[in-house]
Amino acid sequence: MTAGKDEPRRFLIDPTMFGVHAGAGWQPEADISERVERVAAYIQPRAVCTIRTMYMVRPVEPLARALTKAGYRTQVNEVYMRRQFSGEYRVPFDELITWALALNNPNLLPRAGSITELLPPEGETEDW
């Protein structure tokens, strides 16, 4: 599978592992100009993996319910959200914050003691 140039999953060695396996391998950084996108692409699947761990089966549905129940959305486009989960679409940071608030889970947001902890590891990894 080849990821498009605007898809966050394009930075993974195997784009199908985006948001599925926390230890998915990341391609080496080709150019410093893409660093911001790489950091955002690294944060997004970590949040998705956390949600998948919380709900295991069809995680988009409980997230959609939580967003509407908490009043953050009147309706949720689940198809669009599934594409965010698979890395086809970016999750804007304010949306990620909304997910964390709706699910009452601050672990969806990035925490780092240093800048290097925000950068995806290159190659195959076991955990994050």
Foldseek 3Di string as FASTA:
>chain_A
DAADPQFLLNQFPDLQCQLPAQQTAGADDPDVVCQVSQLQSNLQSQLSVVQCVVPVPPSLVVLQVLCCVVPVDVGDDSVVVVCSSSRNDGQPPVNLVSSCVSVVHPSSDDDDPDPVVSGDDHTTGRHD
